[in-house]
Amino acid sequence: MTRKTSHKKSTQGVRKRKPDDIKEALMLAFADFLKNECELEIKDRILTCDEVEITNKSRLLHFIVGERDFDLQLIANRKQK
């Protein structure tokens, strides 16, 4: 006699996040700044930010300066109790 146990995936750890309008607006502002006004003067060279891309609309921004890749992560601190 063999027993089979059925396993259900737990959905306890998965939750929907509420949209954060402030973080989304900040990411758009940062992306706009990097695309249009970012100029860095380093050792008599002027570098600009290229390929600016929001990879997560309220959290992560990816861009390239010169030959290097950068990610900018936006974290909102929790309210103090």
Protein backbone atom coordinates (compact mmCIF):
# COMPACT_ATOMS: atom_id res chain seq x y z
CA MET A 1 0.00 0.00 0.00
CA THR A 2 1.49 3.37 -1.00
CA ARG A 3 0.37 6.76 0.10
CA LYS A 4 0.63 9.84 -2.01
CA THR A 5 0.72 13.21 -0.38
CA SER A 6 -0.31 16.18 -2.42
CA HIS A 7 1.73 19.31 -1.95
CA LYS A 8 0.19 22.71 -2.41
CA LYS A 9 2.31 25.75 -3.07
CA SER A 10 1.98 28.27 -0.31
CA THR A 11 0.87 31.75 -1.30
CA GLN A 12 1.53 33.12 2.15
CA GLY A 13 4.76 34.91 1.16
CA VAL A 14 3.39 36.41 -2.05
CA ARG A 15 1.52 39.68 -1.73
CA LYS A 16 0.48 42.46 -4.03
CA ARG A 17 2.31 45.72 -3.54
CA LYS A 18 0.41 48.97 -3.58
CA PRO A 19 1.61 51.37 -6.27
CA ASP A 20 3.78 54.15 -4.87
CA ASP A 21 3.09 57.30 -6.88
CA ILE A 22 5.89 59.29 -5.24
CA LYS A 23 8.56 56.71 -6.06
CA GLU A 24 7.32 56.36 -9.65
CA ALA A 25 7.42 60.16 -10.13
CA LEU A 26 10.93 60.31 -8.65
CA MET A 27 12.16 57.56 -10.98
CA LEU A 28 10.75 59.45 -13.98
CA ALA A 29 12.45 62.65 -12.80
CA PHE A 30 15.80 60.88 -12.28
CA ALA A 31 15.57 59.22 -15.70
CA ASP A 32 14.73 62.53 -17.37
CA PHE A 33 17.66 64.24 -15.64
CA LEU A 34 20.11 61.50 -16.65
CA LYS A 35 18.91 61.51 -20.28
CA ASN A 36 18.93 65.28 -20.78
CA GLU A 37 21.24 67.00 -18.33
CA CYS A 38 23.85 64.50 -17.18
CA GLU A 39 27.36 65.66 -18.08
CA LEU A 40 30.36 64.60 -16.03
CA GLU A 41 33.76 66.23 -16.42
CA ILE A 42 36.44 63.72 -15.45
CA LYS A 43 40.12 64.32 -16.23
CA ASP A 44 39.41 66.77 -19.07
CA ARG A 45 36.82 64.43 -20.60
CA ILE A 46 33.08 65.04 -20.69
CA LEU A 47 30.99 61.91 -20.21
CA THR A 48 27.24 61.62 -20.64
CA CYS A 49 24.71 59.08 -19.40
CA ASP A 50 23.58 56.77 -22.18
CA GLU A 51 20.89 54.11 -22.51
CA VAL A 52 18.90 55.28 -19.49
CA GLU A 53 16.21 52.71 -18.77
CA ILE A 54 13.76 52.26 -15.91
CA THR A 55 13.90 48.52 -15.26
CA ASN A 56 11.39 48.57 -12.39
CA LYS A 57 9.02 51.54 -12.43
CA SER A 58 9.26 52.32 -8.71
CA ARG A 59 12.62 50.86 -7.80
CA LEU A 60 15.45 50.41 -10.32
CA LEU A 61 17.10 52.59 -12.97
CA HIS A 62 19.86 51.35 -15.32
CA PHE A 63 22.24 53.57 -17.32
CA ILE A 64 25.70 53.62 -18.89
CA VAL A 65 28.44 56.20 -18.35
CA GLY A 66 31.41 55.80 -20.63
CA GLU A 67 31.98 52.05 -20.80
CA ARG A 68 30.55 51.21 -17.37
CA ASP A 69 27.05 50.06 -16.41
CA PHE A 70 25.30 51.48 -13.35
CA ASP A 71 22.08 50.69 -11.49
CA LEU A 72 20.35 53.21 -9.27
CA GLN A 73 18.03 51.69 -6.67
CA LEU A 74 15.44 53.82 -4.89
CA ILE A 75 14.51 52.71 -1.38
CA ALA A 76 11.85 54.45 0.73
CA ASN A 77 12.41 54.19 4.46
CA ARG A 78 9.54 53.06 6.64
CA LYS A 79 7.71 55.45 8.92
CA GLN A 80 9.14 55.64 12.42
CA LYS A 81 6.92 54.29 15.16
